[in-house]
Protein backbone atom coordinates (compact mmCIF):
# COMPACT_ATOMS: atom_id res chain seq x y z
CA MET A 1 24.09 -9.64 41.04
CA GLU A 2 22.83 -6.21 42.57
CA TYR A 3 24.85 -4.98 39.53
CA CYS A 4 22.92 -7.07 37.00
CA LYS A 5 19.47 -5.65 38.59
CA GLU A 6 21.06 -1.90 38.69
CA TYR A 7 21.99 -2.37 34.69
CA ILE A 8 18.49 -3.53 33.99
CA PHE A 9 16.87 -0.76 36.01
CA TRP A 10 18.39 1.97 34.39
CA LEU A 11 18.47 0.21 30.49
CA ILE A 12 14.63 0.08 30.93
CA LEU A 13 14.25 3.35 32.39
CA ALA A 14 16.47 4.69 29.25
CA MET A 15 14.42 3.10 26.75
CA LYS A 16 11.27 4.13 28.34
CA ILE A 17 12.75 7.85 28.25
CA PHE A 18 13.18 7.36 24.62
CA LEU A 19 10.06 5.62 24.02
CA ALA A 20 8.20 8.93 25.40
CA HIS A 21 10.16 11.18 22.75
CA ALA A 22 10.70 9.20 19.66
CA LYS A 23 7.81 9.60 16.89
CA VAL A 24 9.12 6.03 15.61
CA PRO A 25 10.15 3.62 18.52
CA ALA A 26 10.70 1.09 16.15
CA LEU A 27 10.76 -0.49 12.56
CA ILE A 28 9.45 -3.58 11.85
CA VAL A 29 9.86 -5.34 8.59
CA PHE A 30 8.21 -7.52 6.40
CA GLY A 31 9.40 -9.16 3.03
CA ASP A 32 11.67 -10.51 0.90
CA SER A 33 15.63 -10.60 0.27
CA SER A 34 15.62 -6.97 -0.36
CA VAL A 35 15.28 -6.39 3.54
CA ASP A 36 16.13 -9.80 5.14
CA ALA A 37 18.42 -9.57 7.74
CA GLY A 38 19.05 -13.03 7.92
CA ASN A 39 15.94 -15.28 8.79
CA ASN A 40 16.99 -17.36 6.09
CA ASN A 41 19.83 -18.71 8.50
CA HIS A 42 17.63 -20.45 10.46
CA ILE A 43 15.07 -22.38 8.21
CA SER A 44 16.03 -24.69 5.85
CA THR A 45 16.39 -23.73 2.50
CA VAL A 46 19.16 -23.55 -0.02
CA LEU A 47 18.33 -19.44 -0.63
CA LYS A 48 21.09 -18.39 2.18
CA SER A 49 23.55 -15.67 2.35
CA ASN A 50 25.62 -16.55 5.88
CA PHE A 51 28.83 -16.55 4.10
CA GLN A 52 31.73 -14.48 2.56
CA PRO A 53 31.63 -12.54 0.65
CA TYR A 54 28.33 -11.58 1.91
CA GLY A 55 28.77 -8.88 4.35
CA ARG A 56 32.21 -8.29 3.74
CA ASP A 57 31.61 -4.57 4.19
CA PHE A 58 29.18 -5.04 7.26
CA TYR A 59 30.03 -4.48 10.76
CA GLY A 60 33.07 -6.73 11.53
CA GLY A 61 33.04 -7.90 7.91
CA LEU A 62 30.34 -10.70 9.25
CA PRO A 63 28.35 -12.21 6.31
CA THR A 64 24.72 -12.02 8.42
CA GLY A 65 22.63 -13.40 6.27
CA ARG A 66 22.01 -10.14 4.19
CA PHE A 67 21.96 -10.48 0.21
CA CYS A 68 24.68 -7.59 0.18
CA ASN A 69 28.14 -6.65 0.87
CA GLY A 70 27.02 -4.36 3.66
CA ARG A 71 23.71 -2.86 4.84
CA ILE A 72 20.48 -3.01 3.16
CA PRO A 73 17.64 -0.35 2.94
CA THR A 74 15.83 -0.91 6.05
CA ASP A 75 18.67 -0.45 8.32
CA PHE A 76 19.86 2.98 6.86
CA MET A 77 16.17 3.90 7.68
CA SER A 78 16.70 2.38 11.19
CA GLU A 79 19.38 4.74 11.59
CA ALA A 80 17.76 7.81 10.12
CA PHE A 81 14.82 7.39 12.66
CA GLY A 82 17.68 7.71 15.68
CA LEU A 83 17.60 3.82 16.23
CA ARG A 84 20.33 1.42 15.89
CA PRO A 85 22.15 1.31 12.60
CA PHE A 86 20.82 -1.85 11.30
CA VAL A 87 17.56 -3.96 12.08
CA PRO A 88 17.88 -7.60 13.60
CA ALA A 89 16.69 -10.57 12.14
CA TYR A 90 13.54 -12.35 14.48
CA LEU A 91 15.03 -15.83 13.87
CA ASP A 92 18.84 -14.95 15.30
CA PRO A 93 18.92 -16.29 18.49
CA SER A 94 22.02 -13.93 19.27
CA TYR A 95 19.29 -11.02 19.75
CA THR A 96 16.72 -10.72 22.60
CA ILE A 97 13.47 -9.27 23.00
CA ALA A 98 15.55 -6.13 24.11
CA ASP A 99 17.02 -5.61 21.07
CA PHE A 100 13.83 -5.95 18.90
CA ALA A 101 12.52 -3.54 20.93
CA GLN A 102 13.66 -1.03 19.02
CA GLY A 103 13.23 -2.95 15.21
CA VAL A 104 12.74 -6.23 13.92
CA CYS A 105 12.67 -8.14 11.10
CA PHE A 106 10.29 -11.19 9.90
CA ALA A 107 11.32 -10.79 6.19
CA SER A 108 12.77 -13.87 4.15
CA ALA A 109 14.81 -14.33 1.26
CA GLY A 110 12.25 -15.71 -1.76
CA THR A 111 9.46 -14.93 -0.50
CA GLY A 112 6.33 -13.17 -2.32
CA TYR A 113 2.72 -11.93 -1.61
CA ASP A 114 2.05 -15.67 -3.43
CA ASN A 115 2.56 -18.58 -1.18
CA LYS A 116 3.45 -20.25 -4.54
CA THR A 117 6.47 -18.06 -4.29
CA SER A 118 7.63 -19.41 -1.03
CA ASP A 119 7.09 -22.91 -1.76
CA VAL A 120 9.65 -22.77 -4.70
CA LEU A 121 12.86 -22.19 -2.72
CA ASN A 122 11.04 -23.44 0.67
CA VAL A 123 11.05 -20.21 2.69
CA ILE A 124 8.85 -18.29 5.13
CA PRO A 125 5.64 -17.07 3.65
CA LEU A 126 3.72 -13.84 4.56
CA TRP A 127 1.40 -15.58 6.50
CA LYS A 128 4.32 -16.93 8.40
CA GLU A 129 5.62 -13.50 8.93
CA VAL A 130 2.48 -12.17 10.58
CA GLU A 131 2.79 -15.20 12.86
CA TYR A 132 6.34 -14.27 14.18
CA PHE A 133 4.96 -10.87 14.42
CA LYS A 134 1.85 -11.98 16.85
CA ASP A 135 4.85 -14.10 18.81
CA TYR A 136 6.96 -11.10 18.78
CA GLN A 137 3.92 -8.53 20.33
CA LYS A 138 3.71 -11.32 23.45
CA LYS A 139 7.35 -11.05 24.28
CA LEU A 140 7.40 -7.09 23.68
CA LYS A 141 4.38 -7.10 26.10
CA ALA A 142 5.88 -9.39 28.96
CA TYR A 143 8.97 -7.43 28.73
CA LEU A 144 7.60 -3.95 28.63
CA GLY A 145 4.14 -4.09 30.19
CA THR A 146 1.27 -4.01 27.74
CA ALA A 147 1.26 -0.01 27.62
CA LYS A 148 4.65 0.65 26.66
CA ALA A 149 4.60 -2.39 24.11
CA ASN A 150 1.41 -1.23 22.82
CA PHE A 151 2.74 2.28 22.44
CA ILE A 152 5.85 0.36 20.02
CA ILE A 153 3.20 -1.39 18.06
CA HIS A 154 1.06 1.67 17.57
CA GLU A 155 4.09 4.08 16.76
CA ALA A 156 6.43 1.95 14.88
CA LEU A 157 6.69 2.19 11.46
CA TYR A 158 5.91 -0.65 9.18
CA VAL A 159 8.24 -1.89 6.19
CA ILE A 160 6.97 -4.15 3.57
CA SER A 161 9.23 -4.97 0.79
CA VAL A 162 7.92 -7.65 -1.23
CA GLY A 163 6.73 -8.47 -5.01
CA THR A 164 9.65 -8.87 -7.28
CA ASN A 165 10.17 -12.84 -6.59
CA ASP A 166 6.45 -13.57 -7.38
CA PHE A 167 7.47 -12.33 -11.05
CA LEU A 168 10.40 -13.36 -11.49
CA GLU A 169 10.95 -16.51 -9.44
CA ASN A 170 7.28 -17.55 -9.98
CA TYR A 171 4.94 -15.82 -12.71
CA TYR A 172 8.00 -16.13 -15.46
CA THR A 173 9.50 -18.92 -14.53
CA LEU A 174 7.12 -21.89 -13.60
CA PRO A 175 3.73 -22.68 -15.32
CA HIS A 176 0.93 -22.97 -12.85
CA ARG A 177 0.36 -19.46 -12.36
CA ARG A 178 0.54 -18.28 -16.42
CA SER A 179 -1.88 -20.84 -16.78
CA GLN A 180 -4.17 -19.62 -14.44
CA TYR A 181 -3.90 -16.30 -14.97
CA ASN A 182 -2.60 -13.41 -17.86
CA ILE A 183 -0.18 -11.01 -16.57
CA ASP A 184 -2.94 -8.17 -15.74
CA GLN A 185 -4.90 -11.01 -13.88
CA TYR A 186 -1.89 -12.29 -11.76
CA GLN A 187 -0.88 -8.23 -10.46
CA ALA A 188 -4.64 -8.08 -9.68
CA PHE A 189 -4.63 -11.47 -7.62
CA LEU A 190 -1.20 -10.13 -5.90
CA LEU A 191 -3.03 -6.92 -5.31
CA GLY A 192 -5.85 -8.47 -3.10
CA ILE A 193 -3.37 -10.42 -1.20
CA ALA A 194 -1.04 -7.16 -0.26
CA GLU A 195 -4.45 -5.34 0.51
CA LYS A 196 -5.56 -8.36 3.19
CA PHE A 197 -1.86 -8.42 4.63
CA THR A 198 -1.89 -4.98 5.47
CA LEU A 199 -4.98 -4.91 6.80
CA ASP A 200 -4.09 -7.96 8.80
CA LEU A 201 -1.36 -5.60 10.30
CA TYR A 202 -3.73 -2.87 10.69
CA GLN A 203 -6.13 -5.07 12.73
CA LEU A 204 -2.96 -6.03 14.91
CA GLY A 205 -2.09 -2.47 15.84
CA ALA A 206 -0.06 -1.33 12.42
CA ARG A 207 -0.65 2.39 11.43
CA LYS A 208 2.37 3.85 10.16
CA ILE A 209 3.04 1.76 6.75
CA VAL A 210 5.31 2.14 4.01
CA LEU A 211 4.38 -0.26 0.88
CA THR A 212 7.68 -0.65 -1.32
CA GLY A 213 6.92 -1.09 -5.50
CA LEU A 214 8.62 -3.14 -7.62
CA PRO A 215 12.41 -2.01 -9.08
CA PRO A 216 12.88 -2.05 -12.74
CA MET A 217 13.33 -5.82 -12.47
CA GLY A 218 14.10 -6.54 -16.27
CA CYS A 219 17.50 -4.37 -15.47
CA LEU A 220 18.80 -7.23 -12.88
CA PRO A 221 21.68 -8.66 -14.19
CA LEU A 222 20.31 -12.14 -13.97
CA GLU A 223 17.72 -10.70 -16.18
CA ARG A 224 19.89 -9.39 -18.58
CA THR A 225 21.92 -12.43 -18.85
CA THR A 226 18.57 -14.33 -19.51
CA ASN A 227 18.12 -11.56 -22.59
CA TYR A 228 21.45 -12.30 -24.24
CA PHE A 229 21.25 -16.00 -24.07
CA GLY A 230 17.70 -15.43 -25.57
CA GLY A 231 19.64 -13.89 -28.45
CA ASN A 232 18.16 -10.02 -27.60
CA GLY A 233 21.43 -8.73 -26.86
CA ASN A 234 22.60 -7.53 -23.13
CA GLU A 235 19.86 -5.18 -22.66
CA CYS A 236 17.03 -5.08 -19.85
CA ILE A 237 13.79 -6.96 -20.75
CA LYS A 238 11.40 -3.77 -21.61
CA SER A 239 8.39 -6.00 -21.02
CA TYR A 240 9.48 -6.96 -17.30
CA ASN A 241 9.85 -3.66 -16.43
CA VAL A 242 6.66 -2.10 -17.77
CA VAL A 243 4.63 -4.85 -15.51
CA ALA A 244 6.80 -3.13 -12.99
CA LEU A 245 5.42 -0.02 -13.72
CA ASN A 246 1.93 -1.39 -14.13
CA PHE A 247 1.87 -3.01 -10.47
CA ASN A 248 3.60 0.12 -8.72
CA GLY A 249 1.03 2.51 -10.03
CA LYS A 250 -1.65 -0.57 -8.84
CA LEU A 251 0.14 -0.86 -5.50
CA ASN A 252 0.24 3.32 -5.60
CA GLY A 253 -3.67 3.01 -5.75
CA LEU A 254 -4.02 0.49 -3.05
CA VAL A 255 -2.22 3.04 -0.60
CA GLN A 256 -4.66 5.68 -1.54
CA LYS A 257 -7.16 3.16 -1.02
CA LEU A 258 -6.32 2.26 2.48
CA ASN A 259 -5.71 5.74 3.64
CA GLY A 260 -9.10 6.59 2.59
CA GLU A 261 -10.76 3.75 4.26
CA LEU A 262 -8.84 3.12 7.66
CA THR A 263 -8.94 5.38 10.01
CA GLY A 264 -5.68 6.01 11.73
CA ILE A 265 -3.66 5.07 9.16
CA ARG A 266 -0.69 6.77 7.16
CA ALA A 267 0.27 4.36 4.39
CA VAL A 268 2.89 6.12 1.69
CA LEU A 269 4.58 4.17 -1.31
CA SER A 270 8.07 3.76 -1.33
CA ASN A 271 8.59 3.37 -5.34
CA PRO A 272 12.76 2.77 -5.96
CA TYR A 273 11.99 2.62 -9.40
CA ASN A 274 12.99 6.00 -11.17
CA THR A 275 16.15 5.88 -8.44
CA LEU A 276 17.42 2.48 -9.50
CA LEU A 277 16.75 2.88 -13.17
CA GLN A 278 18.68 6.26 -12.70
CA MET A 279 21.81 4.55 -11.76
CA ILE A 280 21.49 1.59 -14.26
CA GLN A 281 21.21 3.98 -17.38
CA LYS A 282 23.96 6.82 -16.04
CA PRO A 283 26.01 4.75 -13.22
CA SER A 284 28.91 7.34 -13.64
CA ALA A 285 26.47 10.21 -12.35
CA PHE A 286 26.34 8.11 -9.20
CA GLY A 287 29.96 7.44 -9.29
CA PHE A 288 29.73 3.73 -10.54
CA GLU A 289 31.63 2.25 -13.64
CA SER A 290 29.22 -0.98 -14.13
CA ALA A 291 25.36 -1.38 -13.74
CA ALA A 292 25.26 -4.29 -16.36
CA VAL A 293 26.85 -6.93 -14.37
CA ALA A 294 27.38 -7.50 -10.36
CA CYS A 295 30.63 -7.24 -8.38
CA CYS A 296 30.28 -11.19 -7.11
CA ALA A 297 31.91 -13.44 -9.68
CA SER A 298 30.90 -12.99 -13.04
CA GLY A 299 28.67 -10.94 -12.55
CA LEU A 300 26.46 -12.44 -14.19
CA PHE A 301 24.12 -14.96 -12.84
CA GLU A 302 25.32 -15.79 -9.67
CA MET A 303 23.81 -15.26 -6.22
CA GLY A 304 23.33 -17.21 -2.96
CA TYR A 305 25.81 -20.37 -2.88
CA LEU A 306 27.18 -19.44 -6.32
CA CYS A 307 28.49 -16.41 -4.75
CA HIS A 308 31.41 -17.57 -2.85
CA ARG A 309 34.72 -16.01 -1.32
CA LEU A 310 36.65 -18.60 -3.14
CA ASN A 311 35.72 -17.22 -6.97
CA PRO A 312 38.33 -15.16 -8.29
CA LEU A 313 36.28 -12.60 -10.42
CA THR A 314 34.71 -10.88 -7.62
CA CYS A 315 35.72 -7.50 -7.41
CA THR A 316 37.74 -5.71 -4.76
CA ASP A 317 35.58 -2.82 -4.70
CA ALA A 318 31.74 -2.78 -4.34
CA ASN A 319 31.19 0.72 -4.70
CA LYS A 320 32.01 0.70 -8.10
CA TYR A 321 29.02 -1.69 -9.19
CA VAL A 322 24.95 -0.78 -8.78
CA PHE A 323 24.67 -4.59 -7.98
CA TRP A 324 26.13 -6.97 -5.78
CA ASP A 325 25.46 -9.97 -7.13
CA SER A 326 22.92 -10.74 -10.29
CA PHE A 327 19.75 -10.11 -8.31
CA HIS A 328 20.48 -7.57 -5.43
CA PRO A 329 22.17 -4.52 -5.10
CA THR A 330 25.73 -3.14 -3.58
CA GLU A 331 25.30 -1.55 -0.09
CA LYS A 332 26.34 2.08 -2.10
CA THR A 333 23.04 1.42 -4.03
CA ASN A 334 21.19 0.63 -1.44
CA ARG A 335 22.26 4.07 0.63
CA ILE A 336 21.49 6.02 -2.46
CA ILE A 337 17.95 4.82 -2.91
CA SER A 338 17.90 4.94 1.05
CA ASP A 339 18.21 8.49 1.24
CA TYR A 340 16.31 9.37 -1.62
CA VAL A 341 13.15 7.31 0.57
CA ILE A 342 13.87 9.16 3.96
CA LYS A 343 14.22 12.78 2.04
CA HIS A 344 10.78 12.53 0.09
CA VAL A 345 8.94 9.28 1.44
CA VAL A 346 9.26 8.40 5.22
CA ASN A 347 9.90 11.85 5.82
CA VAL A 348 6.33 12.43 7.09
CA PHE A 349 7.34 10.05 10.24
CA LEU A 350 10.15 11.87 10.99
């Protein structure tokens, strides 16, 4: 018992010393499958990835629920800030508030800015992610005390990565939103939600915020496959990419607005579009062999349960592929994108 008390004493002391010197004491993550560390494992949804071959290149070869063969961008970002090399999922019972004090992920694969998007596959909507964040704050204050907890909440880096599902899973797939909005109106609708969401986080103490833009979503293997079966060849859907570019421009405008209106905030836009597009257009320049199809299964349309360990078509070396499944990048791609973001975007917080 005495040993346990001494261990806890030194653990808390070490954490206090670390917090006193860290510019970013924690990484706090909101969003979709691009940054979900495994929260969907613990809710009732078909959209999961807590089985092999997902995670085969993660620590211990564990399928954590990340939609990747290994780590995702926020894991690399956490490591770059001198924190742990991965960000744990808030709903994972194997972690405690002691783990979450240096980083926590509230993201849910399949979600979007639009609540209608999260309804499609019964995943966690953004408003619920905020509720989990409020619960996290209470636990953090109980664990570290109000002063230390408030320091973490105000100095942490908040990463918001969401939006692709609103278009691909919702607007372009289901009729409801298309009957209400044209594509420009829908973008404006999403931007309004993004602004309110960011303001909610600001009111809860967030000051260092990274808003992530959309990728060239018309070039995802699933969309290229759809284009092919539509008789348009195995090319990117250019109209989807145009929408992504337009939305990213508007998101950048929102970032500038927030910085101009909110006292003490430092918001930045992380835009993966050009970096990922370069990899897709010239994969060999980055050491890849394929960008049109993914590593898992046939690489044309599989993700989630369709991407399973018994499929004989799954590649043996994911490092040769830009995409892991038909919707998500490989760990190597995530690392390249993260390196760019760390050097050119979030470097202002280092």
